[in-house]
Amino acid sequence: MAEDYIEYNRFDPNVLMKRAEELGDDWAEKDAAFGMLDDTKKNLVGKLMSSLLDDGVPTTKAEHYAHAKKEYADYIKDLGEARREKNKASVKYKTYLKWIDLIQTKEANQRAEMKIK
């Protein structure tokens, strides 16, 4: 928190932009990781269903059984964690951008006050 206070009072646009870029990159990486996991959902279900279908289990039943397997439960847990990390990174990034906007507004107000006096 003290770091933020010092950074706020220093108002170095280069430092602020670099930090915004770092947070944006972090969000992009986590968004991509979530996307890759999400994109493989159908492949995993198909893989889990294939042996059941080979054994003559009807498609609907095979899908239900596939969803009940531990491998699918682990996948859903990992997907949920990736979504959580992506969302937290997005919040940090968007909050930081808003913080920069507020600093800019404060600086503009101070300049306006100086002209009035």
C-alpha atoms as a PDB file:
ATOM      1  CA  MET A   1       0.000   0.000   0.000  1.00  0.00           C
ATOM      2  CA  ALA A   2       2.857   2.399   0.779  1.00  0.00           C
ATOM      3  CA  GLU A   3       4.244   1.676  -2.684  1.00  0.00           C
ATOM      4  CA  ASP A   4       0.949   2.790  -4.237  1.00  0.00           C
ATOM      5  CA  TYR A   5       0.989   5.973  -2.152  1.00  0.00           C
ATOM      6  CA  ILE A   6       4.500   6.846  -3.303  1.00  0.00           C
ATOM      7  CA  GLU A   7       3.634   5.987  -6.899  1.00  0.00           C
ATOM      8  CA  TYR A   8       0.462   8.088  -6.675  1.00  0.00           C
ATOM      9  CA  ASN A   9       2.288  11.139  -5.411  1.00  0.00           C
ATOM     10  CA  ARG A  10       5.076  10.764  -7.946  1.00  0.00           C
ATOM     11  CA  PHE A  11       2.738  10.659 -10.986  1.00  0.00           C
ATOM     12  CA  ASP A  12       5.234   9.365 -13.490  1.00  0.00           C
ATOM     13  CA  PRO A  13       3.187   8.435 -16.579  1.00  0.00           C
ATOM     14  CA  ASN A  14       5.906   6.047 -17.755  1.00  0.00           C
ATOM     15  CA  VAL A  15       5.785   4.093 -14.496  1.00  0.00           C
ATOM     16  CA  LEU A  16       1.989   4.012 -14.571  1.00  0.00           C
ATOM     17  CA  MET A  17       1.851   2.839 -18.170  1.00  0.00           C
ATOM     18  CA  LYS A  18       4.467   0.136 -17.552  1.00  0.00           C
ATOM     19  CA  ARG A  19       2.468  -1.204 -14.607  1.00  0.00           C
ATOM     20  CA  ALA A  20      -0.762  -1.109 -16.632  1.00  0.00           C
ATOM     21  CA  GLU A  21       0.986  -3.075 -19.375  1.00  0.00           C
ATOM     22  CA  GLU A  22       2.230  -5.677 -16.877  1.00  0.00           C
ATOM     23  CA  LEU A  23      -1.253  -6.132 -15.422  1.00  0.00           C
ATOM     24  CA  GLY A  24      -2.761  -6.289 -18.918  1.00  0.00           C
ATOM     25  CA  ASP A  25      -0.246  -8.939 -19.967  1.00  0.00           C
ATOM     26  CA  ASP A  26      -0.991 -10.961 -16.838  1.00  0.00           C
ATOM     27  CA  TRP A  27      -4.707 -10.827 -17.608  1.00  0.00           C
ATOM     28  CA  ALA A  28      -4.094 -11.805 -21.251  1.00  0.00           C
ATOM     29  CA  GLU A  29      -2.002 -14.823 -20.218  1.00  0.00           C
ATOM     30  CA  LYS A  30      -4.634 -16.003 -17.751  1.00  0.00           C
ATOM     31  CA  ASP A  31      -7.426 -15.407 -20.257  1.00  0.00           C
ATOM     32  CA  ALA A  32      -5.548 -17.506 -22.824  1.00  0.00           C
ATOM     33  CA  ALA A  33      -4.943 -20.301 -20.292  1.00  0.00           C
ATOM     34  CA  PHE A  34      -8.643 -20.377 -19.448  1.00  0.00           C
ATOM     35  CA  GLY A  35      -9.574 -20.303 -23.142  1.00  0.00           C
ATOM     36  CA  MET A  36      -7.325 -23.251 -23.951  1.00  0.00           C
ATOM     37  CA  LEU A  37      -8.836 -25.286 -21.127  1.00  0.00           C
ATOM     38  CA  ASP A  38     -12.365 -24.339 -22.134  1.00  0.00           C
ATOM     39  CA  ASP A  39     -11.695 -25.247 -25.771  1.00  0.00           C
ATOM     40  CA  THR A  40     -10.728 -28.804 -24.813  1.00  0.00           C
ATOM     41  CA  LYS A  41     -13.952 -29.591 -22.947  1.00  0.00           C
ATOM     42  CA  LYS A  42     -15.674 -31.358 -25.854  1.00  0.00           C
ATOM     43  CA  ASN A  43     -12.514 -33.312 -26.654  1.00  0.00           C
ATOM     44  CA  LEU A  44     -12.293 -34.600 -23.090  1.00  0.00           C
ATOM     45  CA  VAL A  45     -15.956 -35.603 -22.984  1.00  0.00           C
ATOM     46  CA  GLY A  46     -15.577 -37.346 -26.345  1.00  0.00           C
ATOM     47  CA  LYS A  47     -12.510 -39.230 -25.110  1.00  0.00           C
ATOM     48  CA  LEU A  48     -14.295 -40.291 -21.928  1.00  0.00           C
ATOM     49  CA  MET A  49     -17.379 -41.367 -23.901  1.00  0.00           C
ATOM     50  CA  SER A  50     -15.596 -43.299 -26.653  1.00  0.00           C
ATOM     51  CA  SER A  51     -14.877 -46.470 -24.683  1.00  0.00           C
ATOM     52  CA  LEU A  52     -18.416 -46.474 -23.327  1.00  0.00           C
ATOM     53  CA  LEU A  53     -19.858 -46.111 -26.818  1.00  0.00           C
ATOM     54  CA  ASP A  54     -17.621 -48.973 -28.000  1.00  0.00           C
ATOM     55  CA  ASP A  55     -19.205 -51.094 -25.268  1.00  0.00           C
ATOM     56  CA  GLY A  56     -22.673 -50.324 -26.665  1.00  0.00           C
ATOM     57  CA  VAL A  57     -23.768 -47.742 -24.090  1.00  0.00           C
ATOM     58  CA  PRO A  58     -26.257 -45.260 -25.619  1.00  0.00           C
ATOM     59  CA  THR A  59     -24.859 -41.792 -26.343  1.00  0.00           C
ATOM     60  CA  THR A  60     -26.902 -39.932 -23.736  1.00  0.00           C
ATOM     61  CA  LYS A  61     -26.017 -42.407 -21.028  1.00  0.00           C
ATOM     62  CA  ALA A  62     -22.348 -42.428 -22.064  1.00  0.00           C
ATOM     63  CA  GLU A  63     -22.247 -38.642 -21.760  1.00  0.00           C
ATOM     64  CA  HIS A  64     -23.723 -38.793 -18.245  1.00  0.00           C
ATOM     65  CA  TYR A  65     -21.187 -41.435 -17.253  1.00  0.00           C
ATOM     66  CA  ALA A  66     -18.360 -39.377 -18.765  1.00  0.00           C
ATOM     67  CA  HIS A  67     -19.401 -36.370 -16.661  1.00  0.00           C
ATOM     68  CA  ALA A  68     -19.329 -38.554 -13.559  1.00  0.00           C
ATOM     69  CA  LYS A  69     -15.721 -39.663 -14.055  1.00  0.00           C
ATOM     70  CA  LYS A  70     -12.961 -38.328 -11.801  1.00  0.00           C
ATOM     71  CA  GLU A  71     -10.974 -37.103 -14.785  1.00  0.00           C
ATOM     72  CA  TYR A  72     -13.881 -34.853 -15.788  1.00  0.00           C
ATOM     73  CA  ALA A  73     -14.356 -33.620 -12.202  1.00  0.00           C
ATOM     74  CA  ASP A  74     -10.646 -32.730 -12.033  1.00  0.00           C
ATOM     75  CA  TYR A  75     -10.938 -30.930 -15.356  1.00  0.00           C
ATOM     76  CA  ILE A  76     -13.934 -28.896 -14.135  1.00  0.00           C
ATOM     77  CA  LYS A  77     -12.006 -27.973 -10.974  1.00  0.00           C
ATOM     78  CA  ASP A  78      -9.024 -26.807 -13.069  1.00  0.00           C
ATOM     79  CA  LEU A  79     -11.344 -24.893 -15.396  1.00  0.00           C
ATOM     80  CA  GLY A  80     -12.968 -23.139 -12.452  1.00  0.00           C
ATOM     81  CA  GLU A  81      -9.580 -22.192 -11.008  1.00  0.00           C
ATOM     82  CA  ALA A  82      -8.430 -20.846 -14.373  1.00  0.00           C
ATOM     83  CA  ARG A  83     -11.632 -18.792 -14.629  1.00  0.00           C
ATOM     84  CA  ARG A  84     -11.076 -17.421 -11.112  1.00  0.00           C
ATOM     85  CA  GLU A  85      -7.471 -16.435 -11.881  1.00  0.00           C
ATOM     86  CA  LYS A  86      -8.515 -14.833 -15.171  1.00  0.00           C
ATOM     87  CA  ASN A  87     -11.275 -12.836 -13.495  1.00  0.00           C
ATOM     88  CA  LYS A  88      -9.041 -11.691 -10.628  1.00  0.00           C
ATOM     89  CA  ALA A  89      -6.393 -10.535 -13.108  1.00  0.00           C
ATOM     90  CA  SER A  90      -9.049  -8.684 -15.095  1.00  0.00           C
ATOM     91  CA  VAL A  91     -10.280  -6.895 -11.973  1.00  0.00           C
ATOM     92  CA  LYS A  92      -6.735  -5.855 -11.029  1.00  0.00           C
ATOM     93  CA  TYR A  93      -6.066  -4.562 -14.528  1.00  0.00           C
ATOM     94  CA  LYS A  94      -9.336  -2.628 -14.831  1.00  0.00           C
ATOM     95  CA  THR A  95      -8.987  -1.220 -11.314  1.00  0.00           C
ATOM     96  CA  TYR A  96      -5.482   0.000 -12.074  1.00  0.00           C
ATOM     97  CA  LEU A  97      -6.660   1.690 -15.275  1.00  0.00           C
ATOM     98  CA  LYS A  98      -9.420   3.429 -13.313  1.00  0.00           C
ATOM     99  CA  TRP A  99      -6.869   4.471 -10.697  1.00  0.00           C
ATOM    100  CA  ILE A 100      -4.771   6.075 -13.447  1.00  0.00           C
ATOM    101  CA  ASP A 101      -7.875   7.965 -14.645  1.00  0.00           C
ATOM    102  CA  LEU A 102      -8.480   9.244 -11.118  1.00  0.00           C
ATOM    103  CA  ILE A 103      -4.871  10.408 -10.786  1.00  0.00           C
ATOM    104  CA  GLN A 104      -5.139  12.246 -14.099  1.00  0.00           C
ATOM    105  CA  THR A 105      -8.333  13.937 -12.911  1.00  0.00           C
ATOM    106  CA  LYS A 106      -6.663  14.970  -9.647  1.00  0.00           C
ATOM    107  CA  GLU A 107      -3.684  16.407 -11.542  1.00  0.00           C
ATOM    108  CA  ALA A 108      -5.973  18.318 -13.909  1.00  0.00           C
ATOM    109  CA  ASN A 109      -7.942  19.704 -10.960  1.00  0.00           C
ATOM    110  CA  GLN A 110      -4.739  20.858  -9.265  1.00  0.00           C
ATOM    111  CA  ARG A 111      -3.593  22.626 -12.437  1.00  0.00           C
ATOM    112  CA  ALA A 112      -7.000  24.324 -12.734  1.00  0.00           C
ATOM    113  CA  GLU A 113      -6.829  25.435  -9.090  1.00  0.00           C
ATOM    114  CA  MET A 114      -3.396  26.970  -9.664  1.00  0.00           C
ATOM    115  CA  LYS A 115      -4.748  29.053 -12.544  1.00  0.00           C
ATOM    116  CA  ILE A 116      -7.674  30.302 -10.442  1.00  0.00           C
ATOM    117  CA  LYS A 117      -5.529  31.534  -7.533  1.00  0.00           C
END
